[in-house]
């Protein structure tokens, strides 16, 4: 699959790069908030998904910067070789390999490749599951709050509800960001066909 317009690719990859930066602080905040209750409010899904998201986004920020560098260096070049090609086999002449490489425009970005999209979909499932578990935990704590408790227990419960509500908010943001990354990755992939 090849990119037809390097300018369109550059814009799409820049959008994906912006979306890849946003989950980094949100994942860290979610990780910290979930560990205040040792991850039990989401049955340990929130800290696991946070760690996976940090690794995923950090890796693809680096790879996307490489993609941007290669796309920028090839935008003005009409005889683009692409940026993830292997060396031609020994039996091909040099002229044949140059002619083939001139026919190939840019290849798709790392974030828009199928394994990357599948990994992002896996993270979406983790975040949606963690969101559901946190909402369930919040509803159970809300029911518990209706029971008459002494003042000390009530303040601890209020603090726990606040922490879990903040964690749930960031989980919702992260789930939305990962869905956006998947959608833009698929759109950028379809542009290259």
C-alpha atoms as a PDB file:
ATOM      1  CA  UNK A   1       0.000   0.000   0.000  1.00  0.00           C
ATOM      2  CA  UNK A   2       1.408   3.321  -1.041  1.00  0.00           C
ATOM      3  CA  UNK A   3       0.753   6.962  -0.280  1.00  0.00           C
ATOM      4  CA  UNK A   4      -0.527   8.955  -3.236  1.00  0.00           C
ATOM      5  CA  UNK A   5       0.111  12.444  -1.853  1.00  0.00           C
ATOM      6  CA  UNK A   6       3.095  13.113   0.439  1.00  0.00           C
ATOM      7  CA  UNK A   7       1.524  16.415   1.594  1.00  0.00           C
ATOM      8  CA  UNK A   8      -1.638  14.645   2.740  1.00  0.00           C
ATOM      9  CA  UNK A   9       0.500  12.034   4.451  1.00  0.00           C
ATOM     10  CA  UNK A  10       2.473  14.695   6.268  1.00  0.00           C
ATOM     11  CA  UNK A  11      -0.702  16.286   7.657  1.00  0.00           C
ATOM     12  CA  UNK A  12      -2.176  12.921   8.681  1.00  0.00           C
ATOM     13  CA  UNK A  13       1.018  11.815  10.418  1.00  0.00           C
ATOM     14  CA  UNK A  14       1.254  15.162  12.263  1.00  0.00           C
ATOM     15  CA  UNK A  15      -2.304  14.680  13.552  1.00  0.00           C
ATOM     16  CA  UNK A  16      -1.441  11.177  14.710  1.00  0.00           C
ATOM     17  CA  UNK A  17       1.709  12.455  16.401  1.00  0.00           C
ATOM     18  CA  UNK A  18      -0.311  15.038  18.322  1.00  0.00           C
ATOM     19  CA  UNK A  19      -2.723  12.329  19.408  1.00  0.00           C
ATOM     20  CA  UNK A  20       0.181  10.126  20.491  1.00  0.00           C
ATOM     21  CA  UNK A  21       1.530  12.824  22.818  1.00  0.00           C
ATOM     22  CA  UNK A  22      -1.774  13.413  24.631  1.00  0.00           C
ATOM     23  CA  UNK A  23      -2.089   9.980  26.329  1.00  0.00           C
ATOM     24  CA  UNK A  24       1.359  10.220  27.924  1.00  0.00           C
ATOM     25  CA  UNK A  25       0.501  12.609  30.794  1.00  0.00           C
ATOM     26  CA  UNK A  26      -3.027  11.207  31.096  1.00  0.00           C
ATOM     27  CA  UNK A  27      -1.665   7.663  31.435  1.00  0.00           C
ATOM     28  CA  UNK A  28       0.796   8.742  34.098  1.00  0.00           C
ATOM     29  CA  UNK A  29      -1.920  10.551  36.083  1.00  0.00           C
ATOM     30  CA  UNK A  30      -4.241   7.551  35.758  1.00  0.00           C
ATOM     31  CA  UNK A  31      -1.462   5.227  36.890  1.00  0.00           C
ATOM     32  CA  UNK A  32      -0.812   7.332  39.993  1.00  0.00           C
ATOM     33  CA  UNK A  33      -4.518   7.696  40.829  1.00  0.00           C
ATOM     34  CA  UNK A  34      -5.155   3.979  40.412  1.00  0.00           C
ATOM     35  CA  UNK A  35      -2.248   3.065  42.656  1.00  0.00           C
ATOM     36  CA  UNK A  36      -3.679   5.177  45.480  1.00  0.00           C
ATOM     37  CA  UNK A  37      -6.150   2.296  45.889  1.00  0.00           C
ATOM     38  CA  UNK A  38      -3.609  -0.252  44.637  1.00  0.00           C
ATOM     39  CA  UNK A  39      -5.573  -0.634  41.390  1.00  0.00           C
ATOM     40  CA  UNK A  40      -8.472  -2.422  43.043  1.00  0.00           C
ATOM     41  CA  UNK A  41     -11.196  -0.088  41.770  1.00  0.00           C
ATOM     42  CA  UNK A  42     -10.694  -1.428  38.242  1.00  0.00           C
ATOM     43  CA  UNK A  43      -9.444  -4.902  39.203  1.00  0.00           C
ATOM     44  CA  UNK A  44      -5.887  -3.857  38.256  1.00  0.00           C
ATOM     45  CA  UNK A  45      -6.872  -3.049  34.643  1.00  0.00           C
ATOM     46  CA  UNK A  46      -6.200   0.656  35.032  1.00  0.00           C
ATOM     47  CA  UNK A  47      -2.523   0.396  36.072  1.00  0.00           C
ATOM     48  CA  UNK A  48      -1.893  -2.331  33.486  1.00  0.00           C
ATOM     49  CA  UNK A  49      -3.550  -0.326  30.701  1.00  0.00           C
ATOM     50  CA  UNK A  50      -1.653   2.789  31.826  1.00  0.00           C
ATOM     51  CA  UNK A  51       1.685   0.999  31.617  1.00  0.00           C
ATOM     52  CA  UNK A  52       0.867  -0.499  28.206  1.00  0.00           C
ATOM     53  CA  UNK A  53      -0.336   2.877  26.925  1.00  0.00           C
ATOM     54  CA  UNK A  54       2.836   4.610  28.114  1.00  0.00           C
ATOM     55  CA  UNK A  55       4.986   2.024  26.313  1.00  0.00           C
ATOM     56  CA  UNK A  56       2.783   2.092  23.186  1.00  0.00           C
ATOM     57  CA  UNK A  57       2.689   5.880  22.888  1.00  0.00           C
ATOM     58  CA  UNK A  58       6.372   6.388  23.683  1.00  0.00           C
ATOM     59  CA  UNK A  59       7.369   3.813  21.072  1.00  0.00           C
ATOM     60  CA  UNK A  60       5.132   5.255  18.401  1.00  0.00           C
ATOM     61  CA  UNK A  61       6.102   8.862  19.162  1.00  0.00           C
ATOM     62  CA  UNK A  62       9.690   7.888  18.366  1.00  0.00           C
ATOM     63  CA  UNK A  63       8.723   5.920  15.251  1.00  0.00           C
ATOM     64  CA  UNK A  64       6.373   8.659  14.047  1.00  0.00           C
ATOM     65  CA  UNK A  65       9.139  11.251  14.380  1.00  0.00           C
ATOM     66  CA  UNK A  66      11.256   8.996  12.151  1.00  0.00           C
ATOM     67  CA  UNK A  67       8.356   8.773   9.697  1.00  0.00           C
ATOM     68  CA  UNK A  68       7.965  12.562   9.667  1.00  0.00           C
ATOM     69  CA  UNK A  69      11.672  13.030   9.059  1.00  0.00           C
ATOM     70  CA  UNK A  70      11.571  10.628   6.115  1.00  0.00           C
ATOM     71  CA  UNK A  71       8.379  12.120   4.682  1.00  0.00           C
ATOM     72  CA  UNK A  72       9.764  15.663   4.925  1.00  0.00           C
ATOM     73  CA  UNK A  73      13.001  14.653   3.233  1.00  0.00           C
ATOM     74  CA  UNK A  74      11.060  12.993   0.408  1.00  0.00           C
ATOM     75  CA  UNK A  75       8.270  15.566  -0.155  1.00  0.00           C
ATOM     76  CA  UNK A  76      10.243  17.605  -2.673  1.00  0.00           C
ATOM     77  CA  UNK A  77      11.936  14.563  -4.178  1.00  0.00           C
ATOM     78  CA  UNK A  78      10.165  13.068  -7.190  1.00  0.00           C
ATOM     79  CA  UNK A  79      12.164   9.854  -7.138  1.00  0.00           C
ATOM     80  CA  UNK A  80      11.197   8.748  -3.657  1.00  0.00           C
ATOM     81  CA  UNK A  81      12.414   5.406  -2.414  1.00  0.00           C
ATOM     82  CA  UNK A  82      10.102   5.128   0.589  1.00  0.00           C
ATOM     83  CA  UNK A  83      11.359   4.714   4.086  1.00  0.00           C
ATOM     84  CA  UNK A  84      11.225   1.094   5.013  1.00  0.00           C
ATOM     85  CA  UNK A  85      12.570  -0.699   1.974  1.00  0.00           C
ATOM     86  CA  UNK A  86      15.057  -3.525   2.056  1.00  0.00           C
ATOM     87  CA  UNK A  87      18.080  -3.668  -0.210  1.00  0.00           C
ATOM     88  CA  UNK A  88      17.438  -5.101  -3.684  1.00  0.00           C
ATOM     89  CA  UNK A  89      18.540  -8.701  -4.259  1.00  0.00           C
ATOM     90  CA  UNK A  90      21.932  -9.320  -5.848  1.00  0.00           C
ATOM     91  CA  UNK A  91      20.461 -10.666  -9.091  1.00  0.00           C
ATOM     92  CA  UNK A  92      18.795  -7.322  -9.946  1.00  0.00           C
ATOM     93  CA  UNK A  93      20.829  -4.793 -11.823  1.00  0.00           C
ATOM     94  CA  UNK A  94      21.286  -1.367 -10.323  1.00  0.00           C
ATOM     95  CA  UNK A  95      19.208   0.246 -13.084  1.00  0.00           C
ATOM     96  CA  UNK A  96      16.296  -2.149 -12.444  1.00  0.00           C
ATOM     97  CA  UNK A  97      16.287  -1.408  -8.734  1.00  0.00           C
ATOM     98  CA  UNK A  98      16.391   2.369  -9.339  1.00  0.00           C
ATOM     99  CA  UNK A  99      13.510   2.117 -11.822  1.00  0.00           C
ATOM    100  CA  UNK A 100      11.454   0.119  -9.305  1.00  0.00           C
ATOM    101  CA  UNK A 101      12.170   2.548  -6.469  1.00  0.00           C
ATOM    102  CA  UNK A 102      11.133   5.521  -8.603  1.00  0.00           C
ATOM    103  CA  UNK A 103       7.720   3.915  -9.108  1.00  0.00           C
ATOM    104  CA  UNK A 104       7.163   3.513  -5.354  1.00  0.00           C
ATOM    105  CA  UNK A 105       6.012   6.548  -3.417  1.00  0.00           C
ATOM    106  CA  UNK A 106       6.009   6.740   0.381  1.00  0.00           C
ATOM    107  CA  UNK A 107       4.983   3.742   2.395  1.00  0.00           C
ATOM    108  CA  UNK A 108       2.533   4.038   5.268  1.00  0.00           C
ATOM    109  CA  UNK A 109       3.608   5.282   8.680  1.00  0.00           C
ATOM    110  CA  UNK A 110       4.377   2.833  11.469  1.00  0.00           C
ATOM    111  CA  UNK A 111       1.319   3.878  13.476  1.00  0.00           C
ATOM    112  CA  UNK A 112      -0.937   3.107  10.493  1.00  0.00           C
ATOM    113  CA  UNK A 113       0.282  -0.438   9.959  1.00  0.00           C
ATOM    114  CA  UNK A 114      -1.965  -3.331  10.852  1.00  0.00           C
ATOM    115  CA  UNK A 115      -0.076  -4.576  13.972  1.00  0.00           C
ATOM    116  CA  UNK A 116      -0.080  -1.035  15.378  1.00  0.00           C
ATOM    117  CA  UNK A 117      -3.797  -0.634  14.780  1.00  0.00           C
ATOM    118  CA  UNK A 118      -4.513  -4.019  16.377  1.00  0.00           C
ATOM    119  CA  UNK A 119      -2.396  -3.063  19.408  1.00  0.00           C
ATOM    120  CA  UNK A 120      -4.272   0.222  19.735  1.00  0.00           C
ATOM    121  CA  UNK A 121      -7.590  -1.671  19.507  1.00  0.00           C
ATOM    122  CA  UNK A 122      -6.403  -3.925  22.334  1.00  0.00           C
ATOM    123  CA  UNK A 123      -5.708  -0.820  24.425  1.00  0.00           C
ATOM    124  CA  UNK A 124      -9.179   0.526  23.596  1.00  0.00           C
ATOM    125  CA  UNK A 125     -10.701  -2.697  24.951  1.00  0.00           C
ATOM    126  CA  UNK A 126      -8.597  -2.422  28.124  1.00  0.00           C
ATOM    127  CA  UNK A 127      -9.628   1.207  28.687  1.00  0.00           C
ATOM    128  CA  UNK A 128     -13.313   0.545  28.070  1.00  0.00           C
ATOM    129  CA  UNK A 129     -13.191  -2.405  30.482  1.00  0.00           C
ATOM    130  CA  UNK A 130     -11.406  -0.332  33.128  1.00  0.00           C
ATOM    131  CA  UNK A 131     -13.954   2.464  32.654  1.00  0.00           C
ATOM    132  CA  UNK A 132     -16.846   0.039  33.158  1.00  0.00           C
ATOM    133  CA  UNK A 133     -15.284  -1.451  36.280  1.00  0.00           C
ATOM    134  CA  UNK A 134     -14.630   1.983  37.763  1.00  0.00           C
ATOM    135  CA  UNK A 135     -18.195   3.110  37.082  1.00  0.00           C
ATOM    136  CA  UNK A 136     -19.412  -0.063  38.801  1.00  0.00           C
ATOM    137  CA  UNK A 137     -17.126   0.614  41.785  1.00  0.00           C
ATOM    138  CA  UNK A 138     -18.354   4.204  42.003  1.00  0.00           C
ATOM    139  CA  UNK A 139     -21.981   3.084  41.985  1.00  0.00           C
ATOM    140  CA  UNK A 140     -21.291   0.563  44.756  1.00  0.00           C
ATOM    141  CA  UNK A 141     -19.518   3.212  46.829  1.00  0.00           C
ATOM    142  CA  UNK A 142     -22.404   5.602  46.224  1.00  0.00           C
ATOM    143  CA  UNK A 143     -24.788   3.015  47.644  1.00  0.00           C
ATOM    144  CA  UNK A 144     -22.493   2.501  50.615  1.00  0.00           C
ATOM    145  CA  UNK A 145     -22.489   6.249  51.255  1.00  0.00           C
ATOM    146  CA  UNK A 146     -26.251   6.130  51.808  1.00  0.00           C
ATOM    147  CA  UNK A 147     -25.705   3.907  54.840  1.00  0.00           C
ATOM    148  CA  UNK A 148     -25.236   5.803  58.088  1.00  0.00           C
ATOM    149  CA  UNK A 149     -21.529   5.839  58.860  1.00  0.00           C
ATOM    150  CA  UNK A 150     -19.539   7.581  61.555  1.00  0.00           C
ATOM    151  CA  UNK A 151     -17.788  10.832  60.632  1.00  0.00           C
ATOM    152  CA  UNK A 152     -14.296   9.318  60.128  1.00  0.00           C
ATOM    153  CA  UNK A 153     -15.537   6.561  57.818  1.00  0.00           C
ATOM    154  CA  UNK A 154     -17.642   9.037  55.879  1.00  0.00           C
ATOM    155  CA  UNK A 155     -14.680  11.340  55.163  1.00  0.00           C
ATOM    156  CA  UNK A 156     -12.527   8.398  54.041  1.00  0.00           C
ATOM    157  CA  UNK A 157     -15.333   7.213  51.781  1.00  0.00           C
ATOM    158  CA  UNK A 158     -15.743  10.714  50.330  1.00  0.00           C
ATOM    159  CA  UNK A 159     -12.022  10.874  49.602  1.00  0.00           C
ATOM    160  CA  UNK A 160     -12.092   7.435  47.955  1.00  0.00           C
ATOM    161  CA  UNK A 161     -15.059   8.391  45.795  1.00  0.00           C
ATOM    162  CA  UNK A 162     -13.256  11.568  44.700  1.00  0.00           C
ATOM    163  CA  UNK A 163     -10.083   9.695  43.763  1.00  0.00           C
ATOM    164  CA  UNK A 164     -11.954   6.988  41.859  1.00  0.00           C
ATOM    165  CA  UNK A 165     -14.099   9.604  40.089  1.00  0.00           C
ATOM    166  CA  UNK A 166     -10.961  11.452  38.942  1.00  0.00           C
ATOM    167  CA  UNK A 167      -9.425   8.169  37.803  1.00  0.00           C
ATOM    168  CA  UNK A 168     -12.614   7.311  35.902  1.00  0.00           C
ATOM    169  CA  UNK A 169     -12.541  10.722  34.209  1.00  0.00           C
ATOM    170  CA  UNK A 170      -8.978  10.174  32.963  1.00  0.00           C
ATOM    171  CA  UNK A 171      -9.811   6.619  31.898  1.00  0.00           C
ATOM    172  CA  UNK A 172     -12.648   7.999  29.781  1.00  0.00           C
ATOM    173  CA  UNK A 173     -10.293  10.538  28.201  1.00  0.00           C
ATOM    174  CA  UNK A 174      -7.715   7.844  27.466  1.00  0.00           C
ATOM    175  CA  UNK A 175     -10.308   5.532  25.938  1.00  0.00           C
ATOM    176  CA  UNK A 176     -11.467   8.364  23.681  1.00  0.00           C
ATOM    177  CA  UNK A 177      -7.912   9.249  22.667  1.00  0.00           C
ATOM    178  CA  UNK A 178      -7.105   5.640  21.811  1.00  0.00           C
ATOM    179  CA  UNK A 179     -10.275   5.373  19.715  1.00  0.00           C
ATOM    180  CA  UNK A 180      -9.205   8.543  17.874  1.00  0.00           C
ATOM    181  CA  UNK A 181      -5.733   7.066  17.276  1.00  0.00           C
ATOM    182  CA  UNK A 182      -7.292   3.904  15.828  1.00  0.00           C
ATOM    183  CA  UNK A 183      -9.662   5.864  13.576  1.00  0.00           C
ATOM    184  CA  UNK A 184      -6.960   8.231  12.290  1.00  0.00           C
ATOM    185  CA  UNK A 185      -4.558   5.322  11.794  1.00  0.00           C
ATOM    186  CA  UNK A 186      -7.143   3.494   9.696  1.00  0.00           C
ATOM    187  CA  UNK A 187      -7.916   6.667   7.732  1.00  0.00           C
ATOM    188  CA  UNK A 188      -4.223   7.257   7.030  1.00  0.00           C
ATOM    189  CA  UNK A 189      -3.879   3.614   6.020  1.00  0.00           C
ATOM    190  CA  UNK A 190      -6.827   3.918   3.613  1.00  0.00           C
ATOM    191  CA  UNK A 191      -5.294   7.063   2.084  1.00  0.00           C
ATOM    192  CA  UNK A 192      -2.298   4.996   1.088  1.00  0.00           C
ATOM    193  CA  UNK A 193      -4.258   2.493  -0.985  1.00  0.00           C
END
